[in-house]
Protein backbone atom coordinates (compact mmCIF):
# COMPACT_ATOMS: atom_id res chain seq x y z
CA UNK A 1 -24.16 -5.58 3.06
CA UNK A 2 -21.29 -6.22 0.63
CA UNK A 3 -19.26 -9.40 0.57
CA UNK A 4 -16.34 -7.45 1.95
CA UNK A 5 -18.44 -5.92 4.70
CA UNK A 6 -19.63 -9.33 5.92
CA UNK A 7 -16.23 -9.99 7.46
CA UNK A 8 -16.57 -10.21 11.21
CA UNK A 9 -14.79 -7.57 13.23
CA UNK A 10 -13.06 -10.29 15.20
CA UNK A 11 -11.33 -11.49 12.06
CA UNK A 12 -10.71 -8.02 10.69
CA UNK A 13 -9.28 -6.58 13.89
CA UNK A 14 -6.01 -4.79 13.38
CA UNK A 15 -5.46 -3.33 16.82
CA UNK A 16 -7.07 -1.25 19.51
CA UNK A 17 -4.31 1.25 20.06
CA UNK A 18 -0.73 1.64 21.16
CA UNK A 19 -0.44 2.56 24.80
CA UNK A 20 2.60 4.17 26.33
CA UNK A 21 3.20 1.27 28.65
CA UNK A 22 2.00 -1.71 26.65
CA UNK A 23 1.02 -1.90 23.01
CA UNK A 24 -2.03 -3.99 22.20
CA UNK A 25 -2.04 -5.32 18.66
CA UNK A 26 -4.43 -7.85 17.31
CA UNK A 27 -4.12 -8.49 13.73
CA UNK A 28 -6.09 -6.72 9.98
CA UNK A 29 18.11 13.98 -6.67
CA UNK A 30 15.22 15.89 -5.17
CA UNK A 31 12.57 15.98 -7.90
CA UNK A 32 12.78 12.48 -9.30
CA UNK A 33 9.44 11.40 -7.84
CA UNK A 34 7.63 14.51 -8.98
CA UNK A 35 8.58 14.25 -12.64
CA UNK A 36 5.42 13.21 -14.44
CA UNK A 37 5.19 16.24 -16.66
CA UNK A 38 4.84 15.79 -20.43
CA UNK A 39 7.91 16.07 -22.63
CA UNK A 40 6.02 18.43 -24.90
CA UNK A 41 2.59 20.00 -25.35
CA UNK A 42 -0.04 17.30 -25.09
CA UNK A 43 2.51 14.47 -25.06
CA UNK A 44 3.08 12.12 -22.15
CA UNK A 45 6.53 10.42 -22.17
CA UNK A 46 4.85 7.00 -22.11
CA UNK A 47 2.59 7.74 -25.09
CA UNK A 48 3.75 7.04 -28.64
CA UNK A 49 4.47 9.99 -30.87
CA UNK A 50 1.83 10.94 -33.42
CA UNK A 51 1.75 8.46 -36.27
CA UNK A 52 3.90 5.89 -34.47
CA UNK A 53 2.87 2.26 -34.93
CA UNK A 54 1.68 0.63 -31.72
CA UNK A 55 2.35 -3.05 -31.09
CA UNK A 56 -0.58 -5.18 -29.99
CA UNK A 57 -0.51 -6.48 -26.40
CA UNK A 58 1.23 -9.84 -26.05
CA UNK A 59 -1.24 -12.14 -24.33
CA UNK A 60 0.00 -14.29 -21.46
CA UNK A 61 -1.44 -17.75 -20.81
CA UNK A 62 -5.20 -17.74 -21.43
CA UNK A 63 -5.17 -13.99 -22.07
CA UNK A 64 -6.24 -12.98 -18.56
CA UNK A 65 -3.11 -10.82 -18.47
CA UNK A 66 -0.94 -9.36 -21.19
CA UNK A 67 2.39 -7.65 -21.64
CA UNK A 68 1.64 -4.12 -22.84
CA UNK A 69 5.01 -2.46 -22.42
CA UNK A 70 6.34 -0.09 -19.80
CA UNK A 71 3.78 0.99 -17.25
CA UNK A 72 2.41 4.48 -17.96
CA UNK A 73 2.62 7.48 -15.66
CA UNK A 74 5.77 6.47 -13.83
CA UNK A 75 8.22 8.88 -12.18
CA UNK A 76 11.62 9.46 -13.67
CA UNK A 77 14.30 6.99 -12.63
CA UNK A 78 15.37 7.81 -9.05
CA UNK A 79 18.82 9.22 -8.35
CA UNK A 80 20.90 9.45 -5.21
CA UNK A 81 20.10 12.16 -2.74
CA UNK A 82 22.57 15.00 -3.10
CA UNK A 83 24.93 15.58 -0.19
CA UNK A 84 23.40 17.84 2.43
CA UNK A 85 19.96 17.85 0.84
CA UNK A 86 16.82 17.23 2.88
CA UNK A 87 15.17 13.96 1.80
CA UNK A 88 11.71 13.97 0.23
CA UNK A 89 8.70 13.27 2.39
CA UNK A 90 7.25 10.04 1.01
CA UNK A 91 3.62 9.17 1.75
CA UNK A 92 2.21 5.84 0.56
CA UNK A 93 -1.54 5.23 0.52
CA UNK A 94 -2.38 1.53 0.18
CA UNK A 95 -5.60 -0.47 -0.09
CA UNK A 96 -6.18 -3.97 1.30
CA UNK A 97 -8.36 -6.26 -0.81
CA UNK A 98 -8.93 -3.77 -3.65
CA UNK A 99 -12.37 -5.11 -4.59
CA UNK A 100 -15.15 -2.90 -5.97
CA UNK A 101 -18.58 -3.88 -4.63
CA UNK A 102 -20.76 -1.20 -6.12
CA UNK A 103 -19.98 1.51 -3.56
CA UNK A 104 -17.90 3.52 -6.02
CA UNK A 105 -14.94 3.73 -3.66
CA UNK A 106 -12.37 2.24 -6.04
CA UNK A 107 -13.09 4.76 -8.83
CA UNK A 108 -13.43 7.56 -6.27
CA UNK A 109 -9.85 7.15 -5.13
CA UNK A 110 -8.51 6.52 -8.61
CA UNK A 111 -9.94 9.90 -9.56
CA UNK A 112 -8.53 11.50 -6.41
CA UNK A 113 -5.08 10.11 -7.23
CA UNK A 114 -5.28 11.41 -10.79
CA UNK A 115 -6.32 14.83 -9.57
CA UNK A 116 -3.27 15.08 -7.33
CA UNK A 117 -0.77 13.10 -9.44
CA UNK A 118 -0.44 10.48 -6.68
CA UNK A 119 0.78 6.92 -6.89
CA UNK A 120 -0.84 4.25 -4.68
CA UNK A 121 -0.57 0.52 -3.99
CA UNK A 122 -3.56 -1.80 -4.34
CA UNK A 123 -3.16 -5.11 -2.49
CA UNK A 124 -5.51 -7.26 -4.56
CA UNK A 125 -7.09 -10.31 -2.92
CA UNK A 126 -6.79 -13.19 -5.37
CA UNK A 127 -10.27 -14.47 -4.51
CA UNK A 128 -11.79 -11.24 -5.81
CA UNK A 129 -11.04 -12.53 -9.31
CA UNK A 130 -12.37 -16.04 -8.68
CA UNK A 131 -16.13 -16.55 -9.18
CA UNK A 132 -17.92 -18.20 -6.28
CA UNK A 133 -19.10 -20.98 -8.58
CA UNK A 134 -15.45 -22.03 -8.90
CA UNK A 135 -14.50 -21.56 -5.26
CA UNK A 136 -13.39 -25.17 -4.82
CA UNK A 137 -10.37 -24.30 -6.92
CA UNK A 138 -9.06 -22.59 -3.78
CA UNK A 139 -7.31 -24.93 -1.35
CA UNK A 140 -6.41 -22.73 1.65
CA UNK A 141 -3.81 -24.01 4.11
CA UNK A 142 -5.35 -25.47 7.29
CA UNK A 143 -8.87 -24.59 6.11
CA UNK A 144 -11.60 -26.40 4.16
CA UNK A 145 -11.47 -26.30 0.39
CA UNK A 146 -13.17 -23.18 -0.92
CA UNK A 147 -13.33 -21.51 2.50
CA UNK A 148 -12.91 -17.76 2.77
CA UNK A 149 -13.35 -15.34 5.66
CA UNK A 150 -14.07 -12.50 3.20
CA UNK A 151 -16.51 -14.38 1.01
CA UNK A 152 -16.56 -14.08 -2.79
CA UNK A 153 -17.65 -11.23 -5.02
CA UNK A 154 -20.74 -11.42 -7.16
CA UNK A 155 -20.08 -11.73 -10.88
CA UNK A 156 -21.11 -8.11 -11.40
CA UNK A 157 -18.68 -6.92 -8.74
CA UNK A 158 -15.93 -9.15 -10.09
CA UNK A 159 -16.31 -7.42 -13.48
CA UNK A 160 -16.13 -4.03 -11.79
CA UNK A 161 -13.00 -5.09 -9.91
CA UNK A 162 -11.37 -6.20 -13.17
CA UNK A 163 -12.23 -2.85 -14.72
CA UNK A 164 -10.72 -0.79 -11.93
CA UNK A 165 -7.62 -2.95 -11.43
CA UNK A 166 -7.01 -2.44 -15.15
CA UNK A 167 -7.45 1.31 -14.75
CA UNK A 168 -5.30 1.43 -11.62
CA UNK A 169 -2.31 -0.07 -13.40
CA UNK A 170 -2.67 2.11 -16.50
CA UNK A 171 -2.94 5.12 -14.18
CA UNK A 172 0.49 4.21 -12.80
CA UNK A 173 -0.44 2.46 -9.54
CA UNK A 174 1.04 -0.76 -8.18
CA UNK A 175 -0.89 -4.04 -7.94
CA UNK A 176 0.37 -6.06 -4.96
CA UNK A 177 -1.35 -8.89 -3.10
CA UNK A 178 -3.49 -9.33 0.00
CA UNK A 179 -3.34 -13.09 -0.60
CA UNK A 180 -6.69 -14.94 -0.62
CA UNK A 181 -8.96 -16.12 2.19
CA UNK A 182 -8.05 -13.63 4.94
CA UNK A 183 -7.93 -16.15 7.80
CA UNK A 184 -7.08 -14.38 11.07
CA UNK A 185 -8.32 -16.65 13.87
CA UNK A 186 -8.36 -20.25 15.02
CA UNK A 187 -6.11 -23.08 13.90
CA UNK A 188 -6.45 -22.00 10.26
CA UNK A 189 -5.08 -18.52 10.91
CA UNK A 190 -2.31 -17.25 8.66
CA UNK A 191 -0.36 -16.70 11.88
CA UNK A 192 0.21 -20.47 11.97
CA UNK A 193 1.17 -21.04 8.34
CA UNK A 194 4.53 -22.56 7.44
CA UNK A 195 6.75 -21.20 4.65
CA UNK A 196 5.53 -24.02 2.39
CA UNK A 197 1.93 -23.02 3.07
CA UNK A 198 2.67 -19.38 2.30
CA UNK A 199 4.26 -20.55 -0.95
CA UNK A 200 1.01 -22.35 -1.81
CA UNK A 201 -1.12 -19.35 -0.91
CA UNK A 202 0.96 -17.01 -3.05
CA UNK A 203 0.95 -19.34 -6.03
CA UNK A 204 -2.83 -19.64 -5.80
CA UNK A 205 -3.24 -15.86 -5.55
CA UNK A 206 -1.11 -15.38 -8.65
CA UNK A 207 -2.98 -18.14 -10.49
CA UNK A 208 -6.41 -16.62 -9.79
CA UNK A 209 -5.22 -13.31 -11.25
CA UNK A 210 -3.61 -15.00 -14.26
CA UNK A 211 -6.56 -17.29 -15.09
CA UNK A 212 -9.69 -15.26 -14.34
CA UNK A 213 -10.70 -15.55 -18.01
CA UNK A 214 -10.71 -19.35 -17.88
CA UNK A 215 -12.45 -19.42 -14.50
CA UNK A 216 -15.18 -16.97 -15.49
CA UNK A 217 -15.55 -17.84 -19.17
CA UNK A 218 -15.57 -14.11 -19.98
CA UNK A 219 -13.46 -14.07 -23.12
CA UNK A 220 -14.87 -10.73 -24.26
CA UNK A 221 -13.40 -8.84 -21.28
CA UNK A 222 -10.11 -6.94 -21.74
CA UNK A 223 -6.92 -8.54 -20.45
CA UNK A 224 -5.29 -7.05 -17.38
CA UNK A 225 -2.43 -5.02 -18.91
CA UNK A 226 0.48 -6.46 -16.93
CA UNK A 227 2.52 -9.61 -16.37
CA UNK A 228 1.57 -10.39 -12.77
CA UNK A 229 4.61 -12.58 -12.17
CA UNK A 230 6.73 -9.47 -12.75
CA UNK A 231 4.32 -6.91 -11.33
CA UNK A 232 3.97 -8.67 -7.96
CA UNK A 233 6.87 -7.57 -5.73
CA UNK A 234 5.18 -7.17 -2.35
CA UNK A 235 2.07 -7.58 -0.25
CA UNK A 236 0.37 -7.23 3.10
CA UNK A 237 -0.83 -10.24 5.08
CA UNK A 238 -4.34 -10.45 6.56
CA UNK A 239 -4.51 -8.79 9.98
CA UNK A 240 -0.73 -8.21 9.86
CA UNK A 241 -0.11 -11.83 10.87
CA UNK A 242 2.44 -14.42 9.77
CA UNK A 243 5.24 -12.25 8.45
CA UNK A 244 8.08 -14.29 9.96
CA UNK A 245 7.32 -17.40 7.88
CA UNK A 246 6.30 -15.36 4.85
CA UNK A 247 9.58 -13.47 4.49
CA UNK A 248 11.83 -16.41 3.46
CA UNK A 249 9.32 -17.20 0.71
CA UNK A 250 9.10 -13.56 -0.34
CA UNK A 251 12.86 -13.39 -0.64
CA UNK A 252 12.99 -16.60 -2.69
CA UNK A 253 10.36 -15.20 -5.04
CA UNK A 254 12.33 -12.01 -5.50
CA UNK A 255 9.86 -9.77 -3.68
CA UNK A 256 11.31 -6.40 -2.84
CA UNK A 257 9.25 -5.44 0.21
CA UNK A 258 6.62 -6.60 2.68
CA UNK A 259 4.06 -4.34 4.38
CA UNK A 260 2.88 -6.82 7.03
CA UNK A 261 4.93 -5.95 10.10
CA UNK A 262 2.58 -5.58 13.10
CA UNK A 263 3.32 -2.21 14.57
CA UNK A 264 6.08 -0.01 13.27
CA UNK A 265 7.02 3.54 14.17
CA UNK A 266 7.80 6.61 12.10
CA UNK A 267 11.44 5.88 11.36
CA UNK A 268 13.25 5.12 8.11
CA UNK A 269 12.91 1.42 7.21
CA UNK A 270 15.40 -1.42 7.07
CA UNK A 271 15.36 -4.91 5.59
CA UNK A 272 14.34 -8.25 7.10
CA UNK A 273 15.64 -11.38 5.41
CA UNK A 274 16.78 -9.20 2.52
CA UNK A 275 13.30 -7.70 1.98
CA UNK A 276 12.35 -4.11 2.78
CA UNK A 277 10.14 -4.08 5.90
CA UNK A 278 7.49 -1.36 5.50
CA UNK A 279 5.11 -1.55 8.47
CA UNK A 280 2.03 0.40 9.39
CA UNK A 281 3.13 2.98 11.94
CA UNK A 282 2.11 4.38 15.30
CA UNK A 283 0.87 7.94 14.84
CA UNK A 284 -0.58 10.51 17.27
CA UNK A 285 -4.22 9.99 18.22
CA UNK A 286 -5.77 13.35 19.17
CA UNK A 287 -7.33 13.35 22.61
CA UNK A 288 -5.33 10.33 23.83
CA UNK A 289 -1.93 9.68 25.33
CA UNK A 290 -1.42 6.51 23.30
CA UNK A 291 -0.83 6.29 19.58
CA UNK A 292 -2.76 4.36 16.94
CA UNK A 293 -1.67 2.40 13.87
CA UNK A 294 -1.97 4.26 10.60
CA UNK A 295 -4.91 2.28 9.21
CA UNK A 296 -8.62 3.01 8.99
CA UNK A 297 -9.70 -0.07 10.95
CA UNK A 298 -7.33 0.67 13.83
CA UNK A 299 -8.79 4.12 14.22
CA UNK A 300 -12.28 2.61 14.07
CA UNK A 301 -11.38 0.05 16.73
CA UNK A 302 -10.41 2.83 19.10
CA UNK A 303 -13.44 4.96 18.34
CA UNK A 304 -16.30 2.47 18.17
CA UNK A 305 -14.74 -0.64 19.76
CA UNK A 306 -14.86 -2.71 16.53
CA UNK A 307 -18.42 -1.70 15.64
CA UNK A 308 -18.66 -0.66 12.00
CA UNK A 309 -22.13 0.86 12.48
CA UNK A 310 -21.95 2.96 15.61
CA UNK A 311 -24.57 5.68 16.29
CA UNK A 312 -24.28 8.32 13.60
CA UNK A 313 -24.13 11.26 16.02
CA UNK A 314 -20.47 10.27 16.62
CA UNK A 315 -19.50 10.54 12.98
CA UNK A 316 -18.60 14.24 12.62
CA UNK A 317 -16.23 14.20 15.61
CA UNK A 318 -14.72 10.84 14.67
CA UNK A 319 -14.18 11.95 11.07
CA UNK A 320 -12.31 15.00 12.32
CA UNK A 321 -10.28 12.94 14.77
CA UNK A 322 -9.27 10.42 12.09
CA UNK A 323 -8.21 13.21 9.73
CA UNK A 324 -6.26 14.98 12.46
CA UNK A 325 -4.53 11.73 13.39
CA UNK A 326 -3.23 11.18 9.85
CA UNK A 327 -2.21 14.82 9.53
CA UNK A 328 -0.43 14.78 12.89
CA UNK A 329 1.58 11.76 11.80
CA UNK A 330 2.42 13.45 8.53
CA UNK A 331 3.40 16.74 10.14
CA UNK A 332 5.61 15.03 12.74
CA UNK A 333 7.63 13.28 10.04
CA UNK A 334 7.61 16.22 7.61
CA UNK A 335 9.02 18.64 10.16
CA UNK A 336 11.55 16.28 11.74
CA UNK A 337 13.17 13.05 10.47
CA UNK A 338 11.26 12.89 7.16
CA UNK A 339 10.47 9.20 7.74
CA UNK A 340 8.12 7.83 5.07
CA UNK A 341 4.49 7.59 6.12
CA UNK A 342 2.44 4.49 5.32
CA UNK A 343 -1.38 4.65 5.45
CA UNK A 344 -3.48 1.49 5.07
CA UNK A 345 -7.11 1.45 4.01
CA UNK A 346 -10.07 -0.69 2.92
CA UNK A 347 -12.78 0.15 0.40
CA UNK A 348 -15.41 0.19 3.14
CA UNK A 349 -18.18 2.48 4.35
CA UNK A 350 -17.61 1.77 8.02
CA UNK A 351 -19.32 4.24 10.36
CA UNK A 352 -20.92 6.13 7.53
CA UNK A 353 -17.80 6.25 5.37
CA UNK A 354 -15.98 8.68 7.66
CA UNK A 355 -12.61 6.93 7.25
CA UNK A 356 -12.79 7.30 3.48
CA UNK A 357 -13.51 10.99 3.96
CA UNK A 358 -10.54 11.26 6.32
CA UNK A 359 -8.20 9.68 3.79
CA UNK A 360 -9.41 11.98 1.02
CA UNK A 361 -9.05 15.05 3.23
CA UNK A 362 -5.55 14.00 4.26
CA UNK A 363 -4.31 13.37 0.75
CA UNK A 364 -5.84 16.61 -0.50
CA UNK A 365 -4.23 18.59 2.32
CA UNK A 366 -0.69 17.26 1.83
CA UNK A 367 -0.61 17.00 -1.97
CA UNK A 368 1.50 19.71 -3.53
CA UNK A 369 3.46 20.55 -0.41
CA UNK A 370 7.16 21.11 -0.98
CA UNK A 371 9.18 17.87 -1.18
CA UNK A 372 6.11 15.63 -0.71
CA UNK A 373 6.07 12.51 -2.91
CA UNK A 374 2.82 10.53 -3.09
CA UNK A 375 4.04 7.21 -4.44
CA UNK A 376 3.42 3.46 -4.41
CA UNK A 377 5.45 1.07 -2.28
CA UNK A 378 7.22 -0.14 -5.39
CA UNK A 379 8.21 3.39 -6.39
CA UNK A 380 9.40 4.05 -2.86
CA UNK A 381 11.69 1.01 -2.75
CA UNK A 382 13.01 2.02 -6.18
CA UNK A 383 14.17 5.22 -4.47
CA UNK A 384 15.57 3.37 -1.46
CA UNK A 385 17.57 0.99 -3.65
CA UNK A 386 19.10 3.93 -5.52
CA UNK A 387 20.48 5.56 -2.36
CA UNK A 388 23.92 5.44 -0.79
CA UNK A 389 23.74 2.85 2.02
CA UNK A 390 25.66 5.23 4.28
CA UNK A 391 23.01 7.90 3.79
CA UNK A 392 20.22 5.44 4.55
CA UNK A 393 22.06 4.39 7.71
CA UNK A 394 22.13 8.02 8.85
CA UNK A 395 18.44 8.40 8.11
CA UNK A 396 17.66 5.25 10.10
CA UNK A 397 19.61 6.63 13.06
CA UNK A 398 17.03 9.39 13.53
CA UNK A 399 14.39 8.61 16.13
CA UNK A 400 10.68 9.32 15.86
CA UNK A 401 10.20 13.09 15.80
CA UNK A 402 13.95 13.79 15.88
CA UNK A 403 15.41 16.52 13.72
CA UNK A 404 18.90 15.86 12.35
CA UNK A 405 21.63 17.24 14.64
CA UNK A 406 23.03 20.39 13.11
CA UNK A 407 20.39 20.45 10.40
CA UNK A 408 20.06 18.46 7.17
CA UNK A 409 22.91 20.24 5.41
CA UNK A 410 25.43 19.21 8.02
CA UNK A 411 23.90 15.84 8.89
CA UNK A 412 23.91 14.44 5.37
CA UNK A 413 27.36 15.62 4.35
CA UNK A 414 29.83 12.85 3.49
CA UNK A 415 32.07 11.82 6.38
CA UNK A 416 34.91 14.30 6.93
CA UNK A 417 33.26 17.19 5.11
CA UNK A 418 32.14 20.35 6.85
CA UNK A 419 30.79 23.69 5.72
CA UNK A 420 32.25 27.12 6.17
CA UNK A 421 30.09 30.02 7.28
CA UNK A 422 29.68 30.97 3.63
CA UNK A 423 28.29 27.51 2.91
CA UNK A 424 31.25 26.28 0.86
CA UNK A 425 33.17 23.03 1.55
CA UNK A 426 35.97 23.60 4.02
């Protein structure tokens, strides 16, 4: 069993469903985001022209990270939504932990994203770049020095993680944080941490990413191609716990969003403490009257009651149910209020890997649909920040599954403007 898989289900638990009467949550312009086409035959806009001199990367600190210029494969700069135009349907696939443990899941989904021109967010756990031999460098709040509820990666898996984090960023994906030790229960739980303790945890997570070369002694490994102090603009807490005391720290650090809210719904987001609040969402759960959070472990918790190795005869039906759940959530938003959809995942082979299959089937099904934008959280908040606040307020006024009164054309017209029957301004 991998280091990641050794986490107990009690600590990993992210919820057992959302009932109609009482939710039960226990914590784990119109084409701007589709413009990744080359500017000419065989030329990507982020690649130098033939014969152009390329500057060497500028190493940062001990060379664990480096400034390599603008991130490749980024969408064009977002513009404001035109009056009366239906908003894009944003879908953000994100990954908690982002460690590769020899299962091939990290490269599998990098390849899937490339195939469908999708952006994703990888919430990297800082401890996945700290060798176990140096674990006493980690001083977790309210826990023993070197403790971790997710263990440490082997050296071989740490090298694989470095490789695929490097590839993820150069492929255009975002590298966020899942912090470090993943403490979800007892007095040491992140739910009990103060703002000062969150500050310490974040600084340690950043340090482990920025000093992996010193901590491992691997000076022949390539630098990660980004400045993590600038790259890191958001994260997701372990088990969706502790957001209230995290947010003041996130705002002070200049973070732009947080994806830790425990139990959102499919509506357009708002800010908390000046930071965009982008929660996992309740989505339909086929065969049930209650809804489930849009994360692999939450679906698992409802199917196999926290068991990650249930009898295999369940797998075909559960795989189908998980896929249908994601697609039902997507379709509800796509056909009504166009609220962004957030899907959280882990690189795990729980219950025979059926949740990984469900994610792949979902992304494959929705990719290429009209107005769909498969982006990272960072790219999404870039779009939000470019919009007219009055338009965002109108979008937020739409309830789950509500279509705009009078249709998008009328609903998103500036105040005081109407349309004639011919479609021209009155």
